[in-house]
Amino acid sequence: MTWQLWVVITLVAAGIVILAVTRMRHAQDVFSDITRLDRPTESSRAGLSGDELAEARARARHAAAEAAPRRSHG
């Protein structure tokens, strides 16, 4: 009867190891994609200079700040 418990424990452990290996492989693929140097950057894809990107980001932040509801204390 105790051998059945060991079989269950072994199967659970094997499942955890397989899950960990697949998650680590996925994480390694994501890390490789992030650190790949030949990947085109956002500015080269859009054809914008750094100043134009900064202005667009500032406009987006300003629009998001205006759309957010204001909370007052009191």
PDB file of N, CA and C in Angstrom:
ATOM      1  N   MET A   1       0.816  -1.185   0.000  1.00  0.00           N
ATOM      2  CA  MET A   1       0.000   0.000   0.000  1.00  0.00           C
ATOM      3  C   MET A   1       0.869   1.261   0.000  1.00  0.00           C
ATOM      4  N   THR A   2       2.015   1.231   0.663  1.00  0.00           N
ATOM      5  CA  THR A   2       2.854   2.418   0.717  1.00  0.00           C
ATOM      6  C   THR A   2       3.533   2.690  -0.625  1.00  0.00           C
ATOM      7  N   TRP A   3       3.693   1.673  -1.449  1.00  0.00           N
ATOM      8  CA  TRP A   3       4.329   1.906  -2.737  1.00  0.00           C
ATOM      9  C   TRP A   3       3.457   2.807  -3.604  1.00  0.00           C
ATOM     10  N   GLN A   4       2.133   2.752  -3.404  1.00  0.00           N
ATOM     11  CA  GLN A   4       1.233   3.611  -4.178  1.00  0.00           C
ATOM     12  C   GLN A   4       1.448   5.082  -3.823  1.00  0.00           C
ATOM     13  N   LEU A   5       1.692   5.350  -2.568  1.00  0.00           N
ATOM     14  CA  LEU A   5       1.982   6.720  -2.147  1.00  0.00           C
ATOM     15  C   LEU A   5       3.265   7.217  -2.792  1.00  0.00           C
ATOM     16  N   TRP A   6       4.277   6.356  -2.869  1.00  0.00           N
ATOM     17  CA  TRP A   6       5.531   6.751  -3.504  1.00  0.00           C
ATOM     18  C   TRP A   6       5.347   6.982  -4.999  1.00  0.00           C
ATOM     19  N   VAL A   7       4.466   6.215  -5.623  1.00  0.00           N
ATOM     20  CA  VAL A   7       4.183   6.424  -7.042  1.00  0.00           C
ATOM     21  C   VAL A   7       3.524   7.787  -7.244  1.00  0.00           C
ATOM     22  N   VAL A   8       2.583   8.127  -6.410  1.00  0.00           N
ATOM     23  CA  VAL A   8       1.903   9.423  -6.507  1.00  0.00           C
ATOM     24  C   VAL A   8       2.892  10.568  -6.270  1.00  0.00           C
ATOM     25  N   ILE A   9       3.726  10.419  -5.250  1.00  0.00           N
ATOM     26  CA  ILE A   9       4.727  11.454  -4.965  1.00  0.00           C
ATOM     27  C   ILE A   9       5.687  11.611  -6.140  1.00  0.00           C
ATOM     28  N   THR A  10       6.097  10.495  -6.744  1.00  0.00           N
ATOM     29  CA  THR A  10       7.003  10.550  -7.891  1.00  0.00           C
ATOM     30  C   THR A  10       6.338  11.227  -9.083  1.00  0.00           C
ATOM     31  N   LEU A  11       5.079  10.913  -9.333  1.00  0.00           N
ATOM     32  CA  LEU A  11       4.366  11.540 -10.453  1.00  0.00           C
ATOM     33  C   LEU A  11       4.196  13.044 -10.234  1.00  0.00           C
ATOM     34  N   VAL A  12       3.871  13.436  -9.025  1.00  0.00           N
ATOM     35  CA  VAL A  12       3.724  14.863  -8.725  1.00  0.00           C
ATOM     36  C   VAL A  12       5.063  15.579  -8.889  1.00  0.00           C
ATOM     37  N   ALA A  13       6.127  14.963  -8.395  1.00  0.00           N
ATOM     38  CA  ALA A  13       7.456  15.570  -8.522  1.00  0.00           C
ATOM     39  C   ALA A  13       7.855  15.686  -9.990  1.00  0.00           C
ATOM     40  N   ALA A  14       7.573  14.657 -10.772  1.00  0.00           N
ATOM     41  CA  ALA A  14       7.899  14.706 -12.202  1.00  0.00           C
ATOM     42  C   ALA A  14       7.099  15.806 -12.900  1.00  0.00           C
ATOM     43  N   GLY A  15       5.842  15.963 -12.521  1.00  0.00           N
ATOM     44  CA  GLY A  15       5.020  17.024 -13.107  1.00  0.00           C
ATOM     45  C   GLY A  15       5.556  18.408 -12.770  1.00  0.00           C
ATOM     46  N   ILE A  16       5.999  18.581 -11.535  1.00  0.00           N
ATOM     47  CA  ILE A  16       6.560  19.877 -11.128  1.00  0.00           C
ATOM     48  C   ILE A  16       7.854  20.163 -11.880  1.00  0.00           C
ATOM     49  N   VAL A  17       8.679  19.158 -12.058  1.00  0.00           N
ATOM     50  CA  VAL A  17       9.934  19.342 -12.796  1.00  0.00           C
ATOM     51  C   VAL A  17       9.648  19.688 -14.256  1.00  0.00           C
ATOM     52  N   ILE A  18       8.708  19.000 -14.869  1.00  0.00           N
ATOM     53  CA  ILE A  18       8.365  19.288 -16.273  1.00  0.00           C
ATOM     54  C   ILE A  18       7.813  20.705 -16.395  1.00  0.00           C
ATOM     55  N   LEU A  19       6.966  21.103 -15.473  1.00  0.00           N
ATOM     56  CA  LEU A  19       6.420  22.462 -15.490  1.00  0.00           C
ATOM     57  C   LEU A  19       7.525  23.498 -15.335  1.00  0.00           C
ATOM     58  N   ALA A  20       8.448  23.256 -14.421  1.00  0.00           N
ATOM     59  CA  ALA A  20       9.550  24.197 -14.203  1.00  0.00           C
ATOM     60  C   ALA A  20      10.442  24.302 -15.440  1.00  0.00           C
ATOM     61  N   VAL A  21      10.718  23.167 -16.075  1.00  0.00           N
ATOM     62  CA  VAL A  21      11.568  23.182 -17.267  1.00  0.00           C
ATOM     63  C   VAL A  21      10.904  23.955 -18.396  1.00  0.00           C
ATOM     64  N   THR A  22       9.611  23.739 -18.612  1.00  0.00           N
ATOM     65  CA  THR A  22       8.936  24.461 -19.692  1.00  0.00           C
ATOM     66  C   THR A  22       8.868  25.953 -19.401  1.00  0.00           C
ATOM     67  N   ARG A  23       8.653  26.336 -18.145  1.00  0.00           N
ATOM     68  CA  ARG A  23       8.623  27.761 -17.796  1.00  0.00           C
ATOM     69  C   ARG A  23       9.993  28.404 -17.982  1.00  0.00           C
ATOM     70  N   MET A  24      11.045  27.686 -17.618  1.00  0.00           N
ATOM     71  CA  MET A  24      12.398  28.231 -17.780  1.00  0.00           C
ATOM     72  C   MET A  24      12.769  28.364 -19.254  1.00  0.00           C
ATOM     73  N   ARG A  25      12.349  27.419 -20.062  1.00  0.00           N
ATOM     74  CA  ARG A  25      12.622  27.527 -21.503  1.00  0.00           C
ATOM     75  C   ARG A  25      11.898  28.733 -22.089  1.00  0.00           C
ATOM     76  N   HIS A  26      10.655  28.936 -21.675  1.00  0.00           N
ATOM     77  CA  HIS A  26       9.917  30.091 -22.158  1.00  0.00           C
ATOM     78  C   HIS A  26      10.584  31.383 -21.699  1.00  0.00           C
ATOM     79  N   ALA A  27      11.007  31.419 -20.447  1.00  0.00           N
ATOM     80  CA  ALA A  27      11.689  32.613 -19.925  1.00  0.00           C
ATOM     81  C   ALA A  27      12.987  32.863 -20.679  1.00  0.00           C
ATOM     82  N   GLN A  28      13.692  31.800 -21.027  1.00  0.00           N
ATOM     83  CA  GLN A  28      14.932  31.956 -21.780  1.00  0.00           C
ATOM     84  C   GLN A  28      14.654  32.511 -23.182  1.00  0.00           C
ATOM     85  N   ASP A  29      13.580  32.064 -23.823  1.00  0.00           N
ATOM     86  CA  ASP A  29      13.212  32.588 -25.137  1.00  0.00           C
ATOM     87  C   ASP A  29      12.849  34.065 -25.051  1.00  0.00           C
ATOM     88  N   VAL A  30      12.090  34.435 -24.029  1.00  0.00           N
ATOM     89  CA  VAL A  30      11.714  35.838 -23.862  1.00  0.00           C
ATOM     90  C   VAL A  30      12.949  36.694 -23.609  1.00  0.00           C
ATOM     91  N   PHE A  31      13.846  36.216 -22.751  1.00  0.00           N
ATOM     92  CA  PHE A  31      15.070  36.961 -22.467  1.00  0.00           C
ATOM     93  C   PHE A  31      15.913  37.110 -23.721  1.00  0.00           C
ATOM     94  N   SER A  32      15.996  36.063 -24.534  1.00  0.00           N
ATOM     95  CA  SER A  32      16.766  36.141 -25.775  1.00  0.00           C
ATOM     96  C   SER A  32      16.159  37.154 -26.731  1.00  0.00           C
ATOM     97  N   ASP A  33      14.822  37.197 -26.798  1.00  0.00           N
ATOM     98  CA  ASP A  33      14.162  38.175 -27.655  1.00  0.00           C
ATOM     99  C   ASP A  33      14.426  39.599 -27.177  1.00  0.00           C
ATOM    100  N   ILE A  34      14.433  39.799 -25.875  1.00  0.00           N
ATOM    101  CA  ILE A  34      14.645  41.138 -25.332  1.00  0.00           C
ATOM    102  C   ILE A  34      16.076  41.597 -25.571  1.00  0.00           C
ATOM    103  N   THR A  35      17.027  40.717 -25.404  1.00  0.00           N
ATOM    104  CA  THR A  35      18.427  41.109 -25.483  1.00  0.00           C
ATOM    105  C   THR A  35      19.030  40.967 -26.874  1.00  0.00           C
ATOM    106  N   ARG A  36      18.243  40.582 -27.855  1.00  0.00           N
ATOM    107  CA  ARG A  36      18.757  40.443 -29.221  1.00  0.00           C
ATOM    108  C   ARG A  36      19.110  41.821 -29.769  1.00  0.00           C
ATOM    109  N   LEU A  37      20.312  41.971 -30.263  1.00  0.00           N
ATOM    110  CA  LEU A  37      20.802  43.272 -30.704  1.00  0.00           C
ATOM    111  C   LEU A  37      20.359  43.637 -32.109  1.00  0.00           C
ATOM    112  N   ASP A  38      20.053  42.684 -32.955  1.00  0.00           N
ATOM    113  CA  ASP A  38      19.687  42.998 -34.332  1.00  0.00           C
ATOM    114  C   ASP A  38      18.199  43.320 -34.483  1.00  0.00           C
ATOM    115  N   ARG A  39      17.489  43.423 -33.359  1.00  0.00           N
ATOM    116  CA  ARG A  39      16.071  43.734 -33.385  1.00  0.00           C
ATOM    117  C   ARG A  39      15.885  45.217 -33.706  1.00  0.00           C
ATOM    118  N   PRO A  40      14.965  45.578 -34.590  1.00  0.00           N
ATOM    119  CA  PRO A  40      14.751  46.999 -34.868  1.00  0.00           C
ATOM    120  C   PRO A  40      14.142  47.700 -33.654  1.00  0.00           C
ATOM    121  N   THR A  41      14.581  48.915 -33.411  1.00  0.00           N
ATOM    122  CA  THR A  41      14.073  49.672 -32.275  1.00  0.00           C
ATOM    123  C   THR A  41      12.782  50.382 -32.651  1.00  0.00           C
ATOM    124  N   GLU A  42      12.110  50.916 -31.659  1.00  0.00           N
ATOM    125  CA  GLU A  42      10.842  51.606 -31.889  1.00  0.00           C
ATOM    126  C   GLU A  42      11.045  52.837 -32.773  1.00  0.00           C
ATOM    127  N   SER A  43      12.128  53.556 -32.558  1.00  0.00           N
ATOM    128  CA  SER A  43      12.340  54.777 -33.336  1.00  0.00           C
ATOM    129  C   SER A  43      12.686  54.460 -34.786  1.00  0.00           C
ATOM    130  N   SER A  44      13.381  53.363 -35.041  1.00  0.00           N
ATOM    131  CA  SER A  44      13.715  53.043 -36.426  1.00  0.00           C
ATOM    132  C   SER A  44      12.505  52.500 -37.173  1.00  0.00           C
ATOM    133  N   ARG A  45      11.577  51.865 -36.475  1.00  0.00           N
ATOM    134  CA  ARG A  45      10.384  51.363 -37.143  1.00  0.00           C
ATOM    135  C   ARG A  45       9.446  52.491 -37.518  1.00  0.00           C
ATOM    136  N   ALA A  46       9.274  53.451 -36.638  1.00  0.00           N
ATOM    137  CA  ALA A  46       8.324  54.520 -36.895  1.00  0.00           C
ATOM    138  C   ALA A  46       8.932  55.631 -37.748  1.00  0.00           C
ATOM    139  N   GLY A  47      10.239  55.673 -37.852  1.00  0.00           N
ATOM    140  CA  GLY A  47      10.884  56.719 -38.624  1.00  0.00           C
ATOM    141  C   GLY A  47      10.894  58.057 -37.900  1.00  0.00           C
ATOM    142  N   LEU A  48      10.814  58.057 -36.587  1.00  0.00           N
ATOM    143  CA  LEU A  48      10.789  59.281 -35.809  1.00  0.00           C
ATOM    144  C   LEU A  48      12.122  59.486 -35.113  1.00  0.00           C
ATOM    145  N   SER A  49      12.452  60.745 -34.887  1.00  0.00           N
ATOM    146  CA  SER A  49      13.670  61.038 -34.142  1.00  0.00           C
ATOM    147  C   SER A  49      13.390  60.924 -32.648  1.00  0.00           C
ATOM    148  N   GLY A  50      14.432  61.004 -31.852  1.00  0.00           N
ATOM    149  CA  GLY A  50      14.276  60.913 -30.408  1.00  0.00           C
ATOM    150  C   GLY A  50      13.438  62.038 -29.837  1.00  0.00           C
ATOM    151  N   ASP A  51      13.601  63.262 -30.389  1.00  0.00           N
ATOM    152  CA  ASP A  51      12.821  64.400 -29.904  1.00  0.00           C
ATOM    153  C   ASP A  51      11.342  64.211 -30.206  1.00  0.00           C
ATOM    154  N   GLU A  52      11.039  63.704 -31.391  1.00  0.00           N
ATOM    155  CA  GLU A  52       9.641  63.489 -31.754  1.00  0.00           C
ATOM    156  C   GLU A  52       9.012  62.419 -30.879  1.00  0.00           C
ATOM    157  N   LEU A  53       9.781  61.382 -30.556  1.00  0.00           N
ATOM    158  CA  LEU A  53       9.269  60.342 -29.665  1.00  0.00           C
ATOM    159  C   LEU A  53       9.016  60.898 -28.272  1.00  0.00           C
ATOM    160  N   ALA A  54       9.924  61.742 -27.780  1.00  0.00           N
ATOM    161  CA  ALA A  54       9.757  62.340 -26.457  1.00  0.00           C
ATOM    162  C   ALA A  54       8.510  63.226 -26.424  1.00  0.00           C
ATOM    163  N   GLU A  55       8.287  63.981 -27.476  1.00  0.00           N
ATOM    164  CA  GLU A  55       7.104  64.839 -27.531  1.00  0.00           C
ATOM    165  C   GLU A  55       5.828  64.004 -27.574  1.00  0.00           C
ATOM    166  N   ALA A  56       5.841  62.917 -28.341  1.00  0.00           N
ATOM    167  CA  ALA A  56       4.661  62.053 -28.424  1.00  0.00           C
ATOM    168  C   ALA A  56       4.374  61.404 -27.071  1.00  0.00           C
ATOM    169  N   ARG A  57       5.418  60.993 -26.363  1.00  0.00           N
ATOM    170  CA  ARG A  57       5.225  60.395 -25.043  1.00  0.00           C
ATOM    171  C   ARG A  57       4.689  61.428 -24.053  1.00  0.00           C
ATOM    172  N   ALA A  58       5.195  62.648 -24.134  1.00  0.00           N
ATOM    173  CA  ALA A  58       4.720  63.704 -23.241  1.00  0.00           C
ATOM    174  C   ALA A  58       3.247  64.012 -23.512  1.00  0.00           C
ATOM    175  N   ARG A  59       2.855  64.053 -24.783  1.00  0.00           N
ATOM    176  CA  ARG A  59       1.448  64.281 -25.119  1.00  0.00           C
ATOM    177  C   ARG A  59       0.578  63.151 -24.587  1.00  0.00           C
ATOM    178  N   ALA A  60       1.049  61.924 -24.712  1.00  0.00           N
ATOM    179  CA  ALA A  60       0.273  60.776 -24.234  1.00  0.00           C
ATOM    180  C   ALA A  60       0.131  60.827 -22.718  1.00  0.00           C
ATOM    181  N   ARG A  61       1.212  61.185 -22.008  1.00  0.00           N
ATOM    182  CA  ARG A  61       1.142  61.300 -20.551  1.00  0.00           C
ATOM    183  C   ARG A  61       0.187  62.409 -20.133  1.00  0.00           C
ATOM    184  N   HIS A  62       0.227  63.533 -20.865  1.00  0.00           N
ATOM    185  CA  HIS A  62      -0.643  64.662 -20.538  1.00  0.00           C
ATOM    186  C   HIS A  62      -2.106  64.273 -20.770  1.00  0.00           C
ATOM    187  N   ALA A  63      -2.391  63.578 -21.860  1.00  0.00           N
ATOM    188  CA  ALA A  63      -3.760  63.161 -22.149  1.00  0.00           C
ATOM    189  C   ALA A  63      -4.245  62.147 -21.120  1.00  0.00           C
ATOM    190  N   ALA A  64      -3.382  61.258 -20.688  1.00  0.00           N
ATOM    191  CA  ALA A  64      -3.766  60.262 -19.688  1.00  0.00           C
ATOM    192  C   ALA A  64      -4.018  60.935 -18.342  1.00  0.00           C
ATOM    193  N   ALA A  65      -3.227  61.946 -18.019  1.00  0.00           N
ATOM    194  CA  ALA A  65      -3.408  62.647 -16.745  1.00  0.00           C
ATOM    195  C   ALA A  65      -4.726  63.420 -16.731  1.00  0.00           C
ATOM    196  N   GLU A  66      -5.110  63.985 -17.864  1.00  0.00           N
ATOM    197  CA  GLU A  66      -6.373  64.718 -17.930  1.00  0.00           C
ATOM    198  C   GLU A  66      -7.567  63.776 -17.894  1.00  0.00           C
ATOM    199  N   ALA A  67      -7.423  62.581 -18.439  1.00  0.00           N
ATOM    200  CA  ALA A  67      -8.525  61.638 -18.474  1.00  0.00           C
ATOM    201  C   ALA A  67      -8.736  60.957 -17.133  1.00  0.00           C
ATOM    202  N   ALA A  68      -7.717  60.925 -16.294  1.00  0.00           N
ATOM    203  CA  ALA A  68      -7.817  60.256 -15.004  1.00  0.00           C
ATOM    204  C   ALA A  68      -8.701  61.076 -14.062  1.00  0.00           C
ATOM    205  N   PRO A  69      -9.556  60.408 -13.314  1.00  0.00           N
ATOM    206  CA  PRO A  69     -10.399  61.173 -12.367  1.00  0.00           C
ATOM    207  C   PRO A  69      -9.551  61.725 -11.227  1.00  0.00           C
ATOM    208  N   ARG A  70      -9.896  62.927 -10.817  1.00  0.00           N
ATOM    209  CA  ARG A  70      -9.146  63.569  -9.739  1.00  0.00           C
ATOM    210  C   ARG A  70      -9.774  63.148  -8.400  1.00  0.00           C
ATOM    211  N   ARG A  71      -8.893  62.851  -7.477  1.00  0.00           N
ATOM    212  CA  ARG A  71      -9.362  62.440  -6.153  1.00  0.00           C
ATOM    213  C   ARG A  71      -9.008  63.539  -5.158  1.00  0.00           C
ATOM    214  N   SER A  72     -10.020  63.953  -4.411  1.00  0.00           N
ATOM    215  CA  SER A  72      -9.745  64.982  -3.404  1.00  0.00           C
ATOM    216  C   SER A  72      -9.818  64.352  -2.025  1.00  0.00           C
ATOM    217  N   HIS A  73      -9.042  64.894  -1.139  1.00  0.00           N
ATOM    218  CA  HIS A  73      -9.036  64.448   0.233  1.00  0.00           C
ATOM    219  C   HIS A  73      -9.890  65.391   1.043  1.00  0.00           C
ATOM    220  N   GLY A  74     -10.898  64.858   1.676  1.00  0.00           N
ATOM    221  CA  GLY A  74     -11.681  65.747   2.503  1.00  0.00           C
ATOM    222  C   GLY A  74     -13.009  65.301   2.708  1.00  0.00           C
TER     223      GLY A  74
END
